[in-house]
N, C-alpha and C. Protein backbone atom coordinates (compact mmCIF):
# COMPACT_ATOMS: atom_id res chain seq x y z
N MET A 1 73.06 105.42 150.23
CA MET A 1 74.26 104.62 150.13
C MET A 1 74.09 103.37 150.99
N ASN A 2 74.51 102.24 150.46
CA ASN A 2 74.45 100.99 151.18
C ASN A 2 75.35 101.05 152.41
N GLU A 3 74.79 100.71 153.59
CA GLU A 3 75.57 100.79 154.82
C GLU A 3 76.74 99.81 154.81
N CYS A 4 76.62 98.73 154.03
CA CYS A 4 77.69 97.75 153.94
C CYS A 4 78.97 98.40 153.42
N LEU A 5 78.84 99.37 152.54
CA LEU A 5 80.01 100.05 152.00
C LEU A 5 80.75 100.85 153.06
N LEU A 6 80.05 101.17 154.14
CA LEU A 6 80.67 101.92 155.23
C LEU A 6 81.43 101.02 156.19
N CYS A 7 81.35 99.71 156.00
CA CYS A 7 82.03 98.75 156.87
C CYS A 7 83.36 98.37 156.25
N THR A 8 84.42 98.82 156.86
CA THR A 8 85.75 98.50 156.35
C THR A 8 86.24 97.20 156.98
N ASP A 9 87.30 96.64 156.40
CA ASP A 9 87.92 95.47 157.00
C ASP A 9 88.44 95.81 158.39
N GLU A 10 88.85 97.05 158.57
CA GLU A 10 89.31 97.47 159.89
C GLU A 10 88.17 97.36 160.91
N ASP A 11 86.97 97.80 160.51
CA ASP A 11 85.80 97.68 161.39
C ASP A 11 85.55 96.21 161.75
N LEU A 12 85.62 95.36 160.73
CA LEU A 12 85.36 93.93 160.97
C LEU A 12 86.44 93.31 161.84
N ASN A 13 87.68 93.71 161.64
CA ASN A 13 88.76 93.20 162.50
C ASN A 13 88.61 93.68 163.93
N ARG A 14 88.17 94.91 164.09
CA ARG A 14 87.93 95.43 165.45
C ARG A 14 86.81 94.64 166.11
N LEU A 15 85.81 94.23 165.33
CA LEU A 15 84.74 93.39 165.85
C LEU A 15 85.30 92.04 166.30
N LEU A 16 86.13 91.43 165.46
CA LEU A 16 86.74 90.15 165.81
C LEU A 16 87.61 90.24 167.05
N ASP A 17 88.29 91.37 167.21
CA ASP A 17 89.19 91.56 168.36
C ASP A 17 88.46 92.11 169.58
N ASP A 18 87.14 92.24 169.47
CA ASP A 18 86.32 92.75 170.58
C ASP A 18 86.77 94.15 171.02
N GLU A 19 87.01 95.01 170.04
CA GLU A 19 87.49 96.37 170.32
C GLU A 19 86.46 97.45 170.00
N LEU A 20 85.23 97.07 169.68
CA LEU A 20 84.21 98.06 169.35
C LEU A 20 83.36 98.40 170.56
N PRO A 21 83.02 99.68 170.71
CA PRO A 21 82.08 100.06 171.77
C PRO A 21 80.71 99.43 171.50
N GLY A 22 79.92 99.28 172.54
CA GLY A 22 78.64 98.58 172.48
C GLY A 22 77.73 98.97 171.33
N ALA A 23 77.45 100.27 171.16
CA ALA A 23 76.51 100.71 170.12
C ALA A 23 77.05 100.40 168.72
N GLU A 24 78.33 100.63 168.51
CA GLU A 24 78.92 100.37 167.20
C GLU A 24 78.93 98.86 166.92
N ARG A 25 79.20 98.08 167.96
CA ARG A 25 79.20 96.62 167.82
C ARG A 25 77.81 96.11 167.44
N ARG A 26 76.79 96.60 168.11
CA ARG A 26 75.42 96.18 167.81
C ARG A 26 75.01 96.57 166.40
N ARG A 27 75.39 97.78 165.98
CA ARG A 27 75.08 98.25 164.63
C ARG A 27 75.73 97.35 163.59
N LEU A 28 77.00 97.04 163.80
CA LEU A 28 77.74 96.21 162.85
C LEU A 28 77.19 94.78 162.82
N LEU A 29 76.85 94.23 163.97
CA LEU A 29 76.27 92.89 164.01
C LEU A 29 74.93 92.85 163.27
N GLY A 30 74.14 93.92 163.41
CA GLY A 30 72.87 94.00 162.68
C GLY A 30 73.09 94.03 161.18
N LEU A 31 74.10 94.78 160.74
CA LEU A 31 74.41 94.83 159.31
C LEU A 31 74.87 93.46 158.80
N ILE A 32 75.65 92.78 159.59
CA ILE A 32 76.17 91.47 159.19
C ILE A 32 75.02 90.47 159.06
N GLU A 33 74.06 90.54 159.99
CA GLU A 33 72.90 89.63 159.93
C GLU A 33 72.06 89.86 158.68
N SER A 34 72.01 91.10 158.22
CA SER A 34 71.15 91.41 157.08
C SER A 34 71.88 91.41 155.73
N ASP A 35 73.19 91.23 155.75
CA ASP A 35 73.94 91.30 154.49
C ASP A 35 74.86 90.08 154.35
N PRO A 36 74.49 89.12 153.50
CA PRO A 36 75.30 87.90 153.34
C PRO A 36 76.73 88.19 152.84
N ALA A 37 76.91 89.20 152.01
CA ALA A 37 78.25 89.53 151.51
C ALA A 37 79.15 90.01 152.66
N LEU A 38 78.57 90.79 153.54
CA LEU A 38 79.32 91.28 154.69
C LEU A 38 79.65 90.13 155.64
N ALA A 39 78.70 89.22 155.81
CA ALA A 39 78.94 88.04 156.65
C ALA A 39 80.06 87.18 156.06
N ASP A 40 80.11 87.08 154.72
CA ASP A 40 81.20 86.34 154.06
C ASP A 40 82.55 87.01 154.30
N ARG A 41 82.57 88.33 154.21
CA ARG A 41 83.82 89.06 154.49
C ARG A 41 84.30 88.79 155.91
N LEU A 42 83.37 88.81 156.85
CA LEU A 42 83.73 88.56 158.25
C LEU A 42 84.26 87.14 158.42
N ARG A 43 83.62 86.16 157.77
CA ARG A 43 84.10 84.77 157.85
C ARG A 43 85.52 84.64 157.29
N GLY A 44 85.77 85.32 156.18
CA GLY A 44 87.11 85.29 155.58
C GLY A 44 88.16 85.87 156.51
N LEU A 45 87.84 87.01 157.13
CA LEU A 45 88.77 87.63 158.06
C LEU A 45 88.98 86.76 159.30
N ARG A 46 87.91 86.09 159.73
CA ARG A 46 88.02 85.20 160.89
C ARG A 46 88.96 84.03 160.57
N ARG A 47 88.86 83.49 159.34
CA ARG A 47 89.76 82.39 158.94
C ARG A 47 91.21 82.85 158.93
N VAL A 48 91.47 84.03 158.39
CA VAL A 48 92.83 84.57 158.38
C VAL A 48 93.33 84.74 159.81
N ASP A 49 92.48 85.27 160.67
CA ASP A 49 92.84 85.48 162.07
C ASP A 49 93.21 84.15 162.73
N GLU A 50 92.41 83.11 162.47
CA GLU A 50 92.67 81.79 163.07
C GLU A 50 93.99 81.22 162.57
N VAL A 51 94.25 81.35 161.28
CA VAL A 51 95.51 80.83 160.72
C VAL A 51 96.70 81.56 161.35
N LEU A 52 96.60 82.87 161.47
CA LEU A 52 97.70 83.63 162.06
C LEU A 52 97.92 83.24 163.52
N ARG A 53 96.85 83.05 164.25
CA ARG A 53 96.99 82.66 165.66
C ARG A 53 97.62 81.28 165.79
N GLU A 54 97.28 80.37 164.89
CA GLU A 54 97.86 79.03 164.93
C GLU A 54 99.32 79.05 164.48
N THR A 55 99.64 79.90 163.53
CA THR A 55 100.99 79.94 162.96
C THR A 55 101.97 80.63 163.89
N TYR A 56 101.57 81.74 164.44
CA TYR A 56 102.46 82.52 165.28
C TYR A 56 102.08 82.38 166.74
N VAL A 57 102.55 81.30 167.34
CA VAL A 57 102.30 81.10 168.76
C VAL A 57 103.16 82.07 169.54
N GLU A 58 102.75 82.33 170.75
CA GLU A 58 103.51 83.25 171.57
C GLU A 58 104.87 82.66 171.90
N VAL A 59 105.88 83.49 171.79
CA VAL A 59 107.24 83.08 172.10
C VAL A 59 107.63 83.71 173.42
N GLU A 60 108.18 82.89 174.29
CA GLU A 60 108.60 83.39 175.59
C GLU A 60 109.85 84.25 175.42
N PRO A 61 109.88 85.43 176.02
CA PRO A 61 111.07 86.28 175.89
C PRO A 61 112.28 85.61 176.55
N PRO A 62 113.48 85.94 176.10
CA PRO A 62 114.67 85.32 176.71
C PRO A 62 114.81 85.74 178.16
N SER A 63 115.39 84.86 178.93
CA SER A 63 115.58 85.16 180.35
C SER A 63 116.66 86.21 180.53
N ARG A 64 116.64 86.88 181.65
CA ARG A 64 117.65 87.90 181.96
C ARG A 64 119.04 87.27 181.99
N GLU A 65 119.14 86.05 182.52
CA GLU A 65 120.44 85.38 182.59
C GLU A 65 121.00 85.16 181.18
N ARG A 66 120.14 84.75 180.26
CA ARG A 66 120.60 84.51 178.90
C ARG A 66 121.06 85.80 178.24
N LEU A 67 120.34 86.88 178.49
CA LEU A 67 120.72 88.15 177.90
C LEU A 67 122.04 88.67 178.48
N GLN A 68 122.32 88.34 179.73
CA GLN A 68 123.53 88.84 180.38
C GLN A 68 124.70 87.87 180.28
N ASP A 69 124.56 86.78 179.57
CA ASP A 69 125.62 85.80 179.41
C ASP A 69 126.80 86.47 178.70
N PRO A 70 127.99 86.53 179.35
CA PRO A 70 129.14 87.22 178.75
C PRO A 70 129.58 86.60 177.42
N ARG A 71 129.38 85.30 177.25
CA ARG A 71 129.75 84.67 175.99
C ARG A 71 128.92 85.22 174.85
N ARG A 72 127.63 85.42 175.09
CA ARG A 72 126.75 85.95 174.04
C ARG A 72 127.11 87.40 173.73
N ASN A 73 127.44 88.18 174.76
CA ASN A 73 127.82 89.57 174.54
C ASN A 73 129.11 89.66 173.73
N ARG A 74 130.07 88.76 174.00
CA ARG A 74 131.34 88.76 173.26
C ARG A 74 131.08 88.46 171.78
N VAL A 75 130.22 87.51 171.52
CA VAL A 75 129.89 87.16 170.13
C VAL A 75 129.27 88.36 169.43
N ARG A 76 128.40 89.07 170.12
CA ARG A 76 127.77 90.26 169.53
C ARG A 76 128.82 91.33 169.22
N ARG A 77 129.75 91.54 170.14
CA ARG A 77 130.79 92.56 169.92
C ARG A 77 131.68 92.19 168.74
N VAL A 78 132.06 90.92 168.64
CA VAL A 78 132.89 90.47 167.53
C VAL A 78 132.13 90.62 166.21
N ALA A 79 130.87 90.25 166.21
CA ALA A 79 130.07 90.38 164.99
C ALA A 79 129.92 91.84 164.59
N ALA A 80 129.73 92.73 165.54
CA ALA A 80 129.60 94.16 165.24
C ALA A 80 130.92 94.71 164.69
N ALA A 81 132.02 94.30 165.29
CA ALA A 81 133.33 94.75 164.81
C ALA A 81 133.58 94.25 163.38
N ALA A 82 133.24 92.99 163.13
CA ALA A 82 133.43 92.44 161.79
C ALA A 82 132.59 93.19 160.77
N ALA A 83 131.36 93.51 161.15
CA ALA A 83 130.47 94.23 160.23
C ALA A 83 131.03 95.62 159.91
N LEU A 84 131.75 96.22 160.85
CA LEU A 84 132.32 97.54 160.62
C LEU A 84 133.61 97.48 159.81
N PHE A 85 134.48 96.53 160.14
CA PHE A 85 135.81 96.51 159.55
C PHE A 85 135.93 95.74 158.25
N LEU A 86 135.15 94.72 158.04
CA LEU A 86 135.26 93.94 156.81
C LEU A 86 135.01 94.77 155.55
N PRO A 87 134.00 95.63 155.52
CA PRO A 87 133.80 96.45 154.32
C PRO A 87 134.96 97.41 154.05
N LEU A 88 135.73 97.73 155.09
CA LEU A 88 136.86 98.66 154.94
C LEU A 88 138.13 97.94 154.50
N GLY A 89 138.08 96.61 154.44
CA GLY A 89 139.22 95.84 153.98
C GLY A 89 140.18 95.45 155.09
N PHE A 90 139.80 95.52 156.32
CA PHE A 90 140.69 95.12 157.43
C PHE A 90 140.55 93.66 157.70
């Protein structure tokens, strides 16, 4: 059986994310060097990875002060009450 068939996209993504142990990483890199189709698959996954990283930049979590703002909590309570009572016809 062709060893390339044993290489899943998950394996290639783990390689891209540097999550493979040394021996498995070396084995996979050797297969990629000897198989142009596998190298193409890796390039395609790398492009997807780059697009996702560029598209979804890290978002800073909201500050504790913002989360504890009483005005925001009141809006949430009113919205929750409306969601409960409006379907009941109140």
